[in-house]
Amino acid sequence: MTTVGSGSSESRKTAFRYLFFASVVLCILGFFSLVAFSHHFIYAPTTPNEASNNIVAWNNHGTYHYITPREDIIKNSLIAFCTAMFLSAALFGYLDQKK
C-alpha cells in the first residue's frame, strides 16, 4: 500500500542526487580548467609589457607575473565557477542526506 505523495518524495530525492553528481562533475571540471589555465600564466612575463597588454599583476606564491585584462577576467570567472559548483554540490549533498 502506497501513500499519497510518496512518489513525489522519491522523485525529488532522485533529482537532488542527479544535481549533486552534476555539481561534483562540473566542480572537478572547473578545477582542472583553472589548473590548466593557471599553467599558462607561468609563462607570462614577469615585468609589465604594455606592447602585449600584459599589465595586470598576478601573484603566484610570491612570483609576480603580468597577464592581460582578458586573462584576468577568465581567471576570476573560473574561480567563481568552481566556488559556485562546490557550494551547490555541498548543498545538494546535504539535501540528499536530509530526510
PDB file of N, CA and C in Angstrom:
ATOM      1  N   MET A   1       0.841  -1.166   0.000  1.00  0.00           N
ATOM      2  CA  MET A   1       0.000   0.000   0.000  1.00  0.00           C
ATOM      3  C   MET A   1       0.895   1.241   0.000  1.00  0.00           C
ATOM      4  N   THR A   2       0.651   2.148  -0.928  1.00  0.00           N
ATOM      5  CA  THR A   2       1.441   3.374  -1.004  1.00  0.00           C
ATOM      6  C   THR A   2       0.619   4.539  -0.517  1.00  0.00           C
ATOM      7  N   THR A   3       1.322   5.509   0.009  1.00  0.00           N
ATOM      8  CA  THR A   3       0.646   6.712   0.476  1.00  0.00           C
ATOM      9  C   THR A   3       0.697   7.774  -0.603  1.00  0.00           C
ATOM     10  N   VAL A   4      -0.208   8.688  -0.517  1.00  0.00           N
ATOM     11  CA  VAL A   4      -0.255   9.771  -1.494  1.00  0.00           C
ATOM     12  C   VAL A   4       0.953  10.673  -1.275  1.00  0.00           C
ATOM     13  N   GLY A   5       1.685  10.966  -2.342  1.00  0.00           N
ATOM     14  CA  GLY A   5       2.822  11.871  -2.245  1.00  0.00           C
ATOM     15  C   GLY A   5       4.152  11.182  -2.051  1.00  0.00           C
ATOM     16  N   SER A   6       4.160   9.842  -1.879  1.00  0.00           N
ATOM     17  CA  SER A   6       5.436   9.161  -1.675  1.00  0.00           C
ATOM     18  C   SER A   6       6.263   9.134  -2.953  1.00  0.00           C
ATOM     19  N   GLY A   7       5.611   9.079  -4.116  1.00  0.00           N
ATOM     20  CA  GLY A   7       6.324   9.117  -5.386  1.00  0.00           C
ATOM     21  C   GLY A   7       6.999  10.456  -5.593  1.00  0.00           C
ATOM     22  N   SER A   8       6.359  11.505  -5.142  1.00  0.00           N
ATOM     23  CA  SER A   8       6.935  12.842  -5.271  1.00  0.00           C
ATOM     24  C   SER A   8       8.207  12.960  -4.439  1.00  0.00           C
ATOM     25  N   SER A   9       8.206  12.360  -3.273  1.00  0.00           N
ATOM     26  CA  SER A   9       9.386  12.403  -2.402  1.00  0.00           C
ATOM     27  C   SER A   9      10.547  11.646  -3.038  1.00  0.00           C
ATOM     28  N   GLU A  10      10.263  10.491  -3.638  1.00  0.00           N
ATOM     29  CA  GLU A  10      11.316   9.714  -4.282  1.00  0.00           C
ATOM     30  C   GLU A  10      11.860  10.433  -5.512  1.00  0.00           C
ATOM     31  N   SER A  11      10.990  11.064  -6.284  1.00  0.00           N
ATOM     32  CA  SER A  11      11.467  11.769  -7.478  1.00  0.00           C
ATOM     33  C   SER A  11      12.281  12.995  -7.083  1.00  0.00           C
ATOM     34  N   ARG A  12      11.913  13.643  -5.989  1.00  0.00           N
ATOM     35  CA  ARG A  12      12.685  14.787  -5.506  1.00  0.00           C
ATOM     36  C   ARG A  12      14.060  14.331  -5.037  1.00  0.00           C
ATOM     37  N   LYS A  13      14.103  13.194  -4.348  1.00  0.00           N
ATOM     38  CA  LYS A  13      15.380  12.658  -3.877  1.00  0.00           C
ATOM     39  C   LYS A  13      16.277  12.288  -5.062  1.00  0.00           C
ATOM     40  N   THR A  14      15.688  11.695  -6.094  1.00  0.00           N
ATOM     41  CA  THR A  14      16.454  11.348  -7.289  1.00  0.00           C
ATOM     42  C   THR A  14      16.958  12.602  -7.989  1.00  0.00           C
ATOM     43  N   ALA A  15      16.132  13.630  -8.055  1.00  0.00           N
ATOM     44  CA  ALA A  15      16.539  14.890  -8.685  1.00  0.00           C
ATOM     45  C   ALA A  15      17.702  15.517  -7.926  1.00  0.00           C
ATOM     46  N   PHE A  16      17.646  15.505  -6.600  1.00  0.00           N
ATOM     47  CA  PHE A  16      18.752  16.044  -5.799  1.00  0.00           C
ATOM     48  C   PHE A  16      20.022  15.241  -6.031  1.00  0.00           C
ATOM     49  N   ARG A  17      19.878  13.923  -6.171  1.00  0.00           N
ATOM     50  CA  ARG A  17      21.046  13.088  -6.421  1.00  0.00           C
ATOM     51  C   ARG A  17      21.693  13.429  -7.769  1.00  0.00           C
ATOM     52  N   TYR A  18      20.872  13.590  -8.802  1.00  0.00           N
ATOM     53  CA  TYR A  18      21.397  13.965 -10.117  1.00  0.00           C
ATOM     54  C   TYR A  18      22.049  15.347 -10.079  1.00  0.00           C
ATOM     55  N   LEU A  19      21.422  16.282  -9.391  1.00  0.00           N
ATOM     56  CA  LEU A  19      22.001  17.625  -9.277  1.00  0.00           C
ATOM     57  C   LEU A  19      23.310  17.590  -8.498  1.00  0.00           C
ATOM     58  N   PHE A  20      23.378  16.772  -7.472  1.00  0.00           N
ATOM     59  CA  PHE A  20      24.609  16.625  -6.697  1.00  0.00           C
ATOM     60  C   PHE A  20      25.742  16.092  -7.573  1.00  0.00           C
ATOM     61  N   PHE A  21      25.469  15.021  -8.297  1.00  0.00           N
ATOM     62  CA  PHE A  21      26.514  14.442  -9.149  1.00  0.00           C
ATOM     63  C   PHE A  21      26.916  15.393 -10.268  1.00  0.00           C
ATOM     64  N   ALA A  22      25.962  16.103 -10.845  1.00  0.00           N
ATOM     65  CA  ALA A  22      26.285  17.078 -11.887  1.00  0.00           C
ATOM     66  C   ALA A  22      27.149  18.194 -11.321  1.00  0.00           C
ATOM     67  N   SER A  23      26.832  18.652 -10.114  1.00  0.00           N
ATOM     68  CA  SER A  23      27.620  19.704  -9.476  1.00  0.00           C
ATOM     69  C   SER A  23      29.038  19.227  -9.176  1.00  0.00           C
ATOM     70  N   VAL A  24      29.176  17.997  -8.725  1.00  0.00           N
ATOM     71  CA  VAL A  24      30.507  17.456  -8.430  1.00  0.00           C
ATOM     72  C   VAL A  24      31.331  17.353  -9.707  1.00  0.00           C
ATOM     73  N   VAL A  25      30.729  16.844 -10.773  1.00  0.00           N
ATOM     74  CA  VAL A  25      31.456  16.703 -12.041  1.00  0.00           C
ATOM     75  C   VAL A  25      31.855  18.079 -12.571  1.00  0.00           C
ATOM     76  N   LEU A  26      30.945  19.046 -12.529  1.00  0.00           N
ATOM     77  CA  LEU A  26      31.271  20.393 -13.004  1.00  0.00           C
ATOM     78  C   LEU A  26      32.321  21.066 -12.122  1.00  0.00           C
ATOM     79  N   CYS A  27      32.294  20.798 -10.832  1.00  0.00           N
ATOM     80  CA  CYS A  27      33.298  21.355  -9.922  1.00  0.00           C
ATOM     81  C   CYS A  27      34.679  20.798 -10.260  1.00  0.00           C
ATOM     82  N   ILE A  28      34.761  19.509 -10.493  1.00  0.00           N
ATOM     83  CA  ILE A  28      36.043  18.893 -10.856  1.00  0.00           C
ATOM     84  C   ILE A  28      36.516  19.410 -12.204  1.00  0.00           C
ATOM     85  N   LEU A  29      35.609  19.504 -13.170  1.00  0.00           N
ATOM     86  CA  LEU A  29      35.962  20.023 -14.487  1.00  0.00           C
ATOM     87  C   LEU A  29      36.454  21.471 -14.389  1.00  0.00           C
ATOM     88  N   GLY A  30      35.754  22.290 -13.610  1.00  0.00           N
ATOM     89  CA  GLY A  30      36.161  23.682 -13.419  1.00  0.00           C
ATOM     90  C   GLY A  30      37.510  23.795 -12.732  1.00  0.00           C
ATOM     91  N   PHE A  31      37.754  22.944 -11.746  1.00  0.00           N
ATOM     92  CA  PHE A  31      39.034  22.976 -11.041  1.00  0.00           C
ATOM     93  C   PHE A  31      40.192  22.664 -11.984  1.00  0.00           C
ATOM     94  N   PHE A  32      40.045  21.609 -12.776  1.00  0.00           N
ATOM     95  CA  PHE A  32      41.135  21.256 -13.685  1.00  0.00           C
ATOM     96  C   PHE A  32      41.281  22.260 -14.819  1.00  0.00           C
ATOM     97  N   SER A  33      40.191  22.926 -15.202  1.00  0.00           N
ATOM     98  CA  SER A  33      40.305  24.009 -16.183  1.00  0.00           C
ATOM     99  C   SER A  33      41.099  25.166 -15.593  1.00  0.00           C
ATOM    100  N   LEU A  34      40.852  25.472 -14.332  1.00  0.00           N
ATOM    101  CA  LEU A  34      41.597  26.531 -13.657  1.00  0.00           C
ATOM    102  C   LEU A  34      43.074  26.167 -13.538  1.00  0.00           C
ATOM    103  N   VAL A  35      43.363  24.908 -13.216  1.00  0.00           N
ATOM    104  CA  VAL A  35      44.755  24.466 -13.121  1.00  0.00           C
ATOM    105  C   VAL A  35      45.441  24.573 -14.483  1.00  0.00           C
ATOM    106  N   ALA A  36      44.766  24.122 -15.526  1.00  0.00           N
ATOM    107  CA  ALA A  36      45.357  24.181 -16.870  1.00  0.00           C
ATOM    108  C   ALA A  36      45.559  25.627 -17.308  1.00  0.00           C
ATOM    109  N   PHE A  37      44.590  26.486 -17.015  1.00  0.00           N
ATOM    110  CA  PHE A  37      44.713  27.889 -17.403  1.00  0.00           C
ATOM    111  C   PHE A  37      45.791  28.584 -16.581  1.00  0.00           C
ATOM    112  N   SER A  38      45.924  28.223 -15.312  1.00  0.00           N
ATOM    113  CA  SER A  38      46.967  28.808 -14.467  1.00  0.00           C
ATOM    114  C   SER A  38      48.355  28.378 -14.925  1.00  0.00           C
ATOM    115  N   HIS A  39      48.460  27.190 -15.486  1.00  0.00           N
ATOM    116  CA  HIS A  39      49.746  26.739 -16.009  1.00  0.00           C
ATOM    117  C   HIS A  39      50.212  27.672 -17.134  1.00  0.00           C
ATOM    118  N   HIS A  40      49.250  28.199 -17.874  1.00  0.00           N
ATOM    119  CA  HIS A  40      49.563  29.170 -18.938  1.00  0.00           C
ATOM    120  C   HIS A  40      50.197  30.435 -18.349  1.00  0.00           C
ATOM    121  N   PHE A  41      49.787  30.816 -17.156  1.00  0.00           N
ATOM    122  CA  PHE A  41      50.292  32.045 -16.527  1.00  0.00           C
ATOM    123  C   PHE A  41      51.762  31.942 -16.140  1.00  0.00           C
ATOM    124  N   ILE A  42      52.266  30.739 -15.962  1.00  0.00           N
ATOM    125  CA  ILE A  42      53.665  30.569 -15.573  1.00  0.00           C
ATOM    126  C   ILE A  42      54.590  31.182 -16.614  1.00  0.00           C
ATOM    127  N   TYR A  43      54.156  31.145 -17.874  1.00  0.00           N
ATOM    128  CA  TYR A  43      54.978  31.670 -18.960  1.00  0.00           C
ATOM    129  C   TYR A  43      54.701  33.140 -19.261  1.00  0.00           C
ATOM    130  N   ALA A  44      53.868  33.773 -18.459  1.00  0.00           N
ATOM    131  CA  ALA A  44      53.591  35.203 -18.643  1.00  0.00           C
ATOM    132  C   ALA A  44      54.825  36.002 -18.229  1.00  0.00           C
ATOM    133  N   PRO A  45      54.993  37.194 -18.800  1.00  0.00           N
ATOM    134  CA  PRO A  45      56.170  37.994 -18.446  1.00  0.00           C
ATOM    135  C   PRO A  45      56.168  38.393 -16.972  1.00  0.00           C
ATOM    136  N   THR A  46      57.363  38.586 -16.422  1.00  0.00           N
ATOM    137  CA  THR A  46      57.489  38.963 -15.012  1.00  0.00           C
ATOM    138  C   THR A  46      57.632  40.468 -14.842  1.00  0.00           C
ATOM    139  N   THR A  47      57.568  41.207 -15.918  1.00  0.00           N
ATOM    140  CA  THR A  47      57.556  42.671 -15.870  1.00  0.00           C
ATOM    141  C   THR A  47      56.401  43.148 -16.738  1.00  0.00           C
ATOM    142  N   PRO A  48      55.787  44.279 -16.397  1.00  0.00           N
ATOM    143  CA  PRO A  48      54.680  44.765 -17.215  1.00  0.00           C
ATOM    144  C   PRO A  48      55.145  45.032 -18.653  1.00  0.00           C
ATOM    145  N   ASN A  49      54.298  44.676 -19.598  1.00  0.00           N
ATOM    146  CA  ASN A  49      54.620  44.868 -21.003  1.00  0.00           C
ATOM    147  C   ASN A  49      53.389  45.452 -21.693  1.00  0.00           C
ATOM    148  N   GLU A  50      53.397  46.766 -21.873  1.00  0.00           N
ATOM    149  CA  GLU A  50      52.231  47.417 -22.462  1.00  0.00           C
ATOM    150  C   GLU A  50      52.057  47.074 -23.935  1.00  0.00           C
ATOM    151  N   ALA A  51      53.126  46.693 -24.615  1.00  0.00           N
ATOM    152  CA  ALA A  51      53.022  46.340 -26.030  1.00  0.00           C
ATOM    153  C   ALA A  51      52.152  45.097 -26.229  1.00  0.00           C
ATOM    154  N   SER A  52      52.273  44.131 -25.329  1.00  0.00           N
ATOM    155  CA  SER A  52      51.449  42.918 -25.420  1.00  0.00           C
ATOM    156  C   SER A  52      50.235  42.981 -24.501  1.00  0.00           C
ATOM    157  N   ASN A  53      50.022  44.108 -23.849  1.00  0.00           N
ATOM    158  CA  ASN A  53      48.886  44.351 -22.945  1.00  0.00           C
ATOM    159  C   ASN A  53      48.950  43.489 -21.681  1.00  0.00           C
ATOM    160  N   ASN A  54      50.113  43.021 -21.296  1.00  0.00           N
ATOM    161  CA  ASN A  54      50.285  42.278 -20.043  1.00  0.00           C
ATOM    162  C   ASN A  54      50.540  43.289 -18.926  1.00  0.00           C
ATOM    163  N   ILE A  55      49.450  43.782 -18.341  1.00  0.00           N
ATOM    164  CA  ILE A  55      49.562  44.875 -17.375  1.00  0.00           C
ATOM    165  C   ILE A  55      48.942  44.548 -16.016  1.00  0.00           C
ATOM    166  N   VAL A  56      48.245  43.428 -15.896  1.00  0.00           N
ATOM    167  CA  VAL A  56      47.580  43.059 -14.644  1.00  0.00           C
ATOM    168  C   VAL A  56      48.511  42.147 -13.859  1.00  0.00           C
ATOM    169  N   ALA A  57      48.894  42.566 -12.647  1.00  0.00           N
ATOM    170  CA  ALA A  57      49.793  41.771 -11.811  1.00  0.00           C
ATOM    171  C   ALA A  57      49.042  40.579 -11.229  1.00  0.00           C
ATOM    172  N   TRP A  58      49.676  39.428 -11.303  1.00  0.00           N
ATOM    173  CA  TRP A  58      49.127  38.201 -10.738  1.00  0.00           C
ATOM    174  C   TRP A  58      50.196  37.571  -9.869  1.00  0.00           C
ATOM    175  N   ASN A  59      49.906  37.432  -8.563  1.00  0.00           N
ATOM    176  CA  ASN A  59      50.869  36.891  -7.607  1.00  0.00           C
ATOM    177  C   ASN A  59      50.696  35.381  -7.536  1.00  0.00           C
ATOM    178  N   ASN A  60      51.710  34.661  -7.943  1.00  0.00           N
ATOM    179  CA  ASN A  60      51.688  33.205  -7.882  1.00  0.00           C
ATOM    180  C   ASN A  60      52.706  32.746  -6.848  1.00  0.00           C
ATOM    181  N   HIS A  61      52.275  32.677  -5.604  1.00  0.00           N
ATOM    182  CA  HIS A  61      53.123  32.227  -4.499  1.00  0.00           C
ATOM    183  C   HIS A  61      54.407  33.042  -4.402  1.00  0.00           C
ATOM    184  N   GLY A  62      54.283  34.345  -4.484  1.00  0.00           N
ATOM    185  CA  GLY A  62      55.425  35.227  -4.319  1.00  0.00           C
ATOM    186  C   GLY A  62      56.107  35.639  -5.612  1.00  0.00           C
ATOM    187  N   THR A  63      55.757  35.019  -6.709  1.00  0.00           N
ATOM    188  CA  THR A  63      56.317  35.386  -8.003  1.00  0.00           C
ATOM    189  C   THR A  63      55.249  36.150  -8.783  1.00  0.00           C
ATOM    190  N   TYR A  64      55.567  37.362  -9.186  1.00  0.00           N
ATOM    191  CA  TYR A  64      54.601  38.171  -9.916  1.00  0.00           C
ATOM    192  C   TYR A  64      54.743  37.960 -11.412  1.00  0.00           C
ATOM    193  N   HIS A  65      53.619  37.684 -12.037  1.00  0.00           N
ATOM    194  CA  HIS A  65      53.539  37.582 -13.489  1.00  0.00           C
ATOM    195  C   HIS A  65      52.494  38.594 -13.941  1.00  0.00           C
ATOM    196  N   TYR A  66      52.642  39.093 -15.134  1.00  0.00           N
ATOM    197  CA  TYR A  66      51.712  40.089 -15.656  1.00  0.00           C
ATOM    198  C   TYR A  66      50.903  39.480 -16.784  1.00  0.00           C
ATOM    199  N   ILE A  67      49.585  39.522 -16.600  1.00  0.00           N
ATOM    200  CA  ILE A  67      48.665  38.929 -17.563  1.00  0.00           C
ATOM    201  C   ILE A  67      47.807  40.023 -18.171  1.00  0.00           C
ATOM    202  N   THR A  68      47.074  39.667 -19.220  1.00  0.00           N
ATOM    203  CA  THR A  68      46.213  40.649 -19.883  1.00  0.00           C
ATOM    204  C   THR A  68      44.911  40.789 -19.092  1.00  0.00           C
ATOM    205  N   PRO A  69      44.192  41.886 -19.275  1.00  0.00           N
ATOM    206  CA  PRO A  69      42.900  42.039 -18.594  1.00  0.00           C
ATOM    207  C   PRO A  69      41.916  40.920 -18.946  1.00  0.00           C
ATOM    208  N   ARG A  70      41.952  40.441 -20.194  1.00  0.00           N
ATOM    209  CA  ARG A  70      41.051  39.353 -20.606  1.00  0.00           C
ATOM    210  C   ARG A  70      41.383  38.070 -19.835  1.00  0.00           C
ATOM    211  N   GLU A  71      42.658  37.757 -19.688  1.00  0.00           N
ATOM    212  CA  GLU A  71      43.064  36.577 -18.926  1.00  0.00           C
ATOM    213  C   GLU A  71      42.678  36.713 -17.462  1.00  0.00           C
ATOM    214  N   ASP A  72      42.722  37.924 -16.933  1.00  0.00           N
ATOM    215  CA  ASP A  72      42.321  38.152 -15.549  1.00  0.00           C
ATOM    216  C   ASP A  72      40.825  37.892 -15.373  1.00  0.00           C
ATOM    217  N   ILE A  73      40.017  38.304 -16.341  1.00  0.00           N
ATOM    218  CA  ILE A  73      38.573  38.051 -16.283  1.00  0.00           C
ATOM    219  C   ILE A  73      38.299  36.551 -16.350  1.00  0.00           C
ATOM    220  N   ILE A  74      39.002  35.834 -17.230  1.00  0.00           N
ATOM    221  CA  ILE A  74      38.815  34.387 -17.344  1.00  0.00           C
ATOM    222  C   ILE A  74      39.214  33.702 -16.043  1.00  0.00           C
ATOM    223  N   LYS A  75      40.340  34.104 -15.462  1.00  0.00           N
ATOM    224  CA  LYS A  75      40.807  33.515 -14.197  1.00  0.00           C
ATOM    225  C   LYS A  75      39.780  33.736 -13.082  1.00  0.00           C
ATOM    226  N   ASN A  76      39.278  34.953 -12.964  1.00  0.00           N
ATOM    227  CA  ASN A  76      38.291  35.252 -11.925  1.00  0.00           C
ATOM    228  C   ASN A  76      36.972  34.522 -12.171  1.00  0.00           C
ATOM    229  N   SER A  77      36.592  34.368 -13.429  1.00  0.00           N
ATOM    230  CA  SER A  77      35.363  33.629 -13.757  1.00  0.00           C
ATOM    231  C   SER A  77      35.492  32.162 -13.395  1.00  0.00           C
ATOM    232  N   LEU A  78      36.658  31.561 -13.673  1.00  0.00           N
ATOM    233  CA  LEU A  78      36.867  30.161 -13.318  1.00  0.00           C
ATOM    234  C   LEU A  78      36.849  29.956 -11.810  1.00  0.00           C
ATOM    235  N   ILE A  79      37.421  30.899 -11.071  1.00  0.00           N
ATOM    236  CA  ILE A  79      37.392  30.798  -9.607  1.00  0.00           C
ATOM    237  C   ILE A  79      35.956  30.890  -9.095  1.00  0.00           C
ATOM    238  N   ALA A  80      35.178  31.818  -9.632  1.00  0.00           N
ATOM    239  CA  ALA A  80      33.773  31.964  -9.217  1.00  0.00           C
ATOM    240  C   ALA A  80      32.971  30.714  -9.593  1.00  0.00           C
ATOM    241  N   PHE A  81      33.209  30.163 -10.785  1.00  0.00           N
ATOM    242  CA  PHE A  81      32.509  28.959 -11.226  1.00  0.00           C
ATOM    243  C   PHE A  81      32.821  27.783 -10.305  1.00  0.00           C
ATOM    244  N   CYS A  82      34.091  27.580  -9.985  1.00  0.00           N
ATOM    245  CA  CYS A  82      34.481  26.482  -9.088  1.00  0.00           C
ATOM    246  C   CYS A  82      33.843  26.638  -7.711  1.00  0.00           C
ATOM    247  N   THR A  83      33.822  27.855  -7.211  1.00  0.00           N
ATOM    248  CA  THR A  83      33.212  28.113  -5.902  1.00  0.00           C
ATOM    249  C   THR A  83      31.711  27.826  -5.934  1.00  0.00           C
ATOM    250  N   ALA A  84      31.032  28.276  -6.979  1.00  0.00           N
ATOM    251  CA  ALA A  84      29.589  28.046  -7.098  1.00  0.00           C
ATOM    252  C   ALA A  84      29.278  26.556  -7.212  1.00  0.00           C
ATOM    253  N   MET A  85      30.053  25.827  -7.985  1.00  0.00           N
ATOM    254  CA  MET A  85      29.811  24.390  -8.141  1.00  0.00           C
ATOM    255  C   MET A  85      30.118  23.632  -6.853  1.00  0.00           C
ATOM    256  N   PHE A  86      31.151  24.034  -6.119  1.00  0.00           N
ATOM    257  CA  PHE A  86      31.452  23.393  -4.846  1.00  0.00           C
ATOM    258  C   PHE A  86      30.309  23.621  -3.855  1.00  0.00           C
ATOM    259  N   LEU A  87      29.836  24.859  -3.779  1.00  0.00           N
ATOM    260  CA  LEU A  87      28.740  25.164  -2.844  1.00  0.00           C
ATOM    261  C   LEU A  87      27.449  24.465  -3.240  1.00  0.00           C
ATOM    262  N   SER A  88      27.149  24.378  -4.536  1.00  0.00           N
ATOM    263  CA  SER A  88      25.926  23.692  -4.942  1.00  0.00           C
ATOM    264  C   SER A  88      26.044  22.185  -4.697  1.00  0.00           C
ATOM    265  N   ALA A  89      27.226  21.604  -4.904  1.00  0.00           N
ATOM    266  CA  ALA A  89      27.408  20.179  -4.597  1.00  0.00           C
ATOM    267  C   ALA A  89      27.230  19.935  -3.101  1.00  0.00           C
ATOM    268  N   ALA A  90      27.766  20.829  -2.281  1.00  0.00           N
ATOM    269  CA  ALA A  90      27.598  20.690  -0.831  1.00  0.00           C
ATOM    270  C   ALA A  90      26.130  20.819  -0.441  1.00  0.00           C
ATOM    271  N   LEU A  91      25.427  21.764  -1.033  1.00  0.00           N
ATOM    272  CA  LEU A  91      24.018  21.973  -0.720  1.00  0.00           C
ATOM    273  C   LEU A  91      23.182  20.767  -1.148  1.00  0.00           C
ATOM    274  N   PHE A  92      23.365  20.286  -2.387  1.00  0.00           N
ATOM    275  CA  PHE A  92      22.574  19.150  -2.846  1.00  0.00           C
ATOM    276  C   PHE A  92      22.953  17.874  -2.108  1.00  0.00           C
ATOM    277  N   GLY A  93      24.213  17.735  -1.717  1.00  0.00           N
ATOM    278  CA  GLY A  93      24.610  16.586  -0.903  1.00  0.00           C
ATOM    279  C   GLY A  93      23.947  16.618   0.462  1.00  0.00           C
ATOM    280  N   TYR A  94      23.844  17.806   1.051  1.00  0.00           N
ATOM    281  CA  TYR A  94      23.183  17.957   2.341  1.00  0.00           C
ATOM    282  C   TYR A  94      21.690  17.669   2.217  1.00  0.00           C
ATOM    283  N   LEU A  95      21.057  18.206   1.171  1.00  0.00           N
ATOM    284  CA  LEU A  95      19.622  17.990   0.983  1.00  0.00           C
ATOM    285  C   LEU A  95      19.297  16.541   0.649  1.00  0.00           C
ATOM    286  N   ASP A  96      20.235  15.850   0.002  1.00  0.00           N
ATOM    287  CA  ASP A  96      20.025  14.443  -0.315  1.00  0.00           C
ATOM    288  C   ASP A  96      20.063  13.585   0.945  1.00  0.00           C
ATOM    289  N   GLN A  97      20.904  13.947   1.908  1.00  0.00           N
ATOM    290  CA  GLN A  97      21.014  13.180   3.156  1.00  0.00           C
ATOM    291  C   GLN A  97      19.863  13.482   4.110  1.00  0.00           C
ATOM    292  N   LYS A  98      19.314  14.682   4.013  1.00  0.00           N
ATOM    293  CA  LYS A  98      18.264  15.096   4.929  1.00  0.00           C
ATOM    294  C   LYS A  98      16.983  14.308   4.598  1.00  0.00           C
ATOM    295  N   LYS A  99      16.363  13.793   5.616  1.00  0.00           N
ATOM    296  CA  LYS A  99      15.142  13.005   5.396  1.00  0.00           C
ATOM    297  C   LYS A  99      13.945  13.670   5.994  1.00  0.00           C
TER     298      LYS A  99
END
